[in-house]
Protein backbone atom coordinates (compact mmCIF):
# COMPACT_ATOMS: atom_id res chain seq x y z
CA MET A 1 176.81 70.08 61.84
CA LYS A 2 180.59 71.02 61.88
CA LEU A 3 181.76 74.05 63.84
CA ASP A 4 184.78 76.12 63.18
CA SER A 5 186.82 77.33 65.94
CA ASN A 6 189.97 79.06 66.92
CA ASN A 7 191.86 79.89 69.94
CA HIS A 8 188.67 81.40 71.80
CA SER A 9 185.68 80.72 70.16
CA VAL A 10 183.58 78.02 68.55
CA PHE A 11 181.52 79.31 65.20
CA SER A 12 179.65 78.63 62.19
CA LEU A 13 179.59 81.78 60.40
CA ASN A 14 177.60 81.61 57.13
CA TYR A 15 176.65 84.18 54.85
CA HIS A 16 174.51 84.80 51.59
CA LEU A 17 175.75 87.88 49.69
CA ILE A 18 174.13 89.05 46.62
CA LEU A 19 175.82 91.82 44.40
CA VAL A 20 173.86 93.52 41.30
CA ILE A 21 175.75 95.08 38.60
CA LYS A 22 174.91 98.78 38.24
CA TYR A 23 171.78 99.52 36.17
CA ARG A 24 170.89 96.08 36.21
CA ARG A 25 172.73 95.71 33.16
CA LYS A 26 172.88 92.10 31.82
CA VAL A 27 176.62 91.73 31.42
CA LEU A 28 177.57 88.72 33.16
CA ASN A 29 178.81 85.74 31.33
CA ASP A 30 180.85 82.50 32.27
CA ASP A 31 184.03 83.94 31.67
CA ILE A 32 183.32 87.46 33.59
CA SER A 33 181.92 85.05 36.62
CA ASN A 34 184.64 83.07 36.53
CA ARG A 35 187.13 86.19 36.79
CA LEU A 36 185.24 87.79 39.48
CA LYS A 37 184.87 84.43 41.38
CA GLU A 38 189.05 84.40 41.28
CA ILE A 39 189.22 87.60 42.89
CA PHE A 40 186.85 86.86 45.58
CA GLU A 41 189.00 83.64 46.13
CA TYR A 42 192.33 85.68 46.07
CA ILE A 43 190.84 88.62 48.31
CA SER A 44 189.14 86.55 50.54
CA PRO A 45 191.59 84.67 52.60
CA ASN A 46 193.04 88.39 53.85
CA TYR A 47 189.54 88.83 55.86
CA ASN A 48 189.23 85.02 56.94
CA ILE A 49 186.76 84.58 54.45
CA THR A 50 185.97 81.10 52.54
CA LEU A 51 184.18 80.58 49.58
CA GLU A 52 181.67 77.78 49.87
CA GLU A 53 179.36 78.46 46.71
CA TRP A 54 179.25 80.84 43.65
CA GLU A 55 176.71 81.48 41.01
CA HIS A 56 175.52 84.10 38.58
CA ASP A 57 172.92 85.20 36.50
CA LYS A 58 173.35 88.04 33.72
CA ASP A 59 172.77 90.89 36.32
CA HIS A 60 173.80 89.70 39.74
CA ILE A 61 175.82 86.84 41.78
CA HIS A 62 175.03 84.74 44.55
CA VAL A 63 177.85 83.73 47.11
CA LEU A 64 177.88 81.65 50.05
CA PHE A 65 180.44 82.13 52.26
CA LYS A 66 182.16 81.43 55.87
CA ALA A 67 183.65 83.97 58.12
CA HIS A 68 185.53 84.23 61.15
CA PRO A 69 183.90 86.54 64.20
CA LYS A 70 186.87 88.74 63.32
CA SER A 71 186.33 89.15 60.06
CA GLU A 72 185.07 92.64 58.88
CA LEU A 73 182.62 92.09 56.26
CA SER A 74 181.63 95.45 55.29
CA LYS A 75 185.55 96.10 54.69
CA PHE A 76 185.83 92.68 52.87
CA ILE A 77 182.77 93.69 50.58
CA ASN A 78 183.93 97.13 49.91
CA ALA A 79 187.25 95.93 48.89
CA TYR A 80 186.31 92.91 46.72
CA LYS A 81 183.74 95.36 44.86
CA SER A 82 186.20 97.95 44.30
CA ALA A 83 189.25 95.54 43.27
CA SER A 84 186.74 93.59 40.92
CA SER A 85 185.15 96.33 39.26
CA ARG A 86 188.49 97.93 38.72
CA LEU A 87 190.04 94.38 37.21
CA ILE A 88 186.76 93.72 34.90
CA LYS A 89 186.64 97.00 33.18
CA LYS A 90 190.27 96.61 32.44
CA GLU A 91 190.46 92.95 31.46
CA PHE A 92 186.77 93.05 29.90
CA SER A 93 186.95 96.27 27.41
CA ASN A 94 183.77 96.15 25.67
CA MET A 95 182.19 96.56 29.40
CA LYS A 96 182.65 100.47 29.13
CA LYS A 97 179.88 100.14 26.32
CA PHE A 98 177.24 98.59 28.42
CA LEU A 99 177.84 100.85 31.83
CA TRP A 100 177.72 104.65 32.31
CA LYS A 101 180.38 106.35 34.05
CA GLU A 102 183.22 104.29 36.19
CA TYR A 103 180.92 101.85 38.12
CA PHE A 104 180.47 98.20 37.75
CA TRP A 105 178.70 97.33 40.89
CA SER A 106 175.38 98.45 42.11
CA ARG A 107 176.68 100.57 45.49
CA SER A 108 173.98 98.33 47.55
CA TYR A 109 174.35 94.66 48.38
CA CYS A 110 172.30 91.92 50.31
CA LEU A 111 174.08 90.20 52.62
CA ILE A 112 172.07 87.46 54.76
CA THR A 113 173.00 85.27 57.52
CA THR A 114 172.22 81.37 57.51
CA GLY A 115 171.88 78.76 59.51
CA GLY A 116 170.35 75.35 60.13
CA ALA A 117 167.71 76.33 62.08
CA THR A 118 164.62 79.17 61.17
CA ILE A 119 164.65 82.23 63.69
CA ASP A 120 161.24 80.65 65.33
CA VAL A 121 163.30 77.63 66.53
CA VAL A 122 166.04 79.59 67.51
CA LYS A 123 163.53 81.74 69.76
CA LYS A 124 161.58 78.89 71.23
CA TYR A 125 165.54 77.59 72.30
CA ILE A 126 165.88 80.59 73.98
CA GLU A 127 163.11 81.13 75.67
CA ASN A 128 163.08 77.69 76.98
CA GLN A 129 166.50 78.28 78.42
CA GLY A 130 166.28 78.07 82.72
CA GLU A 131 163.02 76.02 82.16
CA LYS A 132 163.35 73.14 84.61
CA ARG A 133 162.70 69.63 82.90
C-alpha cells in the first residue's frame, strides 16, 4: 500500500462519497456527470483532496477520493454541493423542469472510509498489540 505524507505525518485516507439528486430525480447523463466531475476537480485542491474514481447513475454519483489529515471534509462537501448545484442549474437550463425549487442535491450524503483491511482485522491487530510473541 502506498502511503501519503507531509512534514508531520504518514497517512492513507480514502473515502467513498455518494451524493443523491433531490427527490431522486433521474436527471444525470454523461454530459452532466462530466461537468460535475470537472467542478469537483476544480474545487478539491483547495481542500487537499484528490479524485481517484468517479461514476454516476441516473439519480446519484459515486466518488472515490483521497484526503489529507487537515482536510475539512464537511466544508468541502458543502462547498462542492453548493457550487455544482448553482453551475449545473445555470448551464443546463432544462434542469428546472425536473426539480422543484432551487435544490439540485439532496441535503444528506453518504461518506464512507475505505481501506485495505476490514474492521475485524484492525480490531484484532489492535487487540494483539503489546502481546509477547
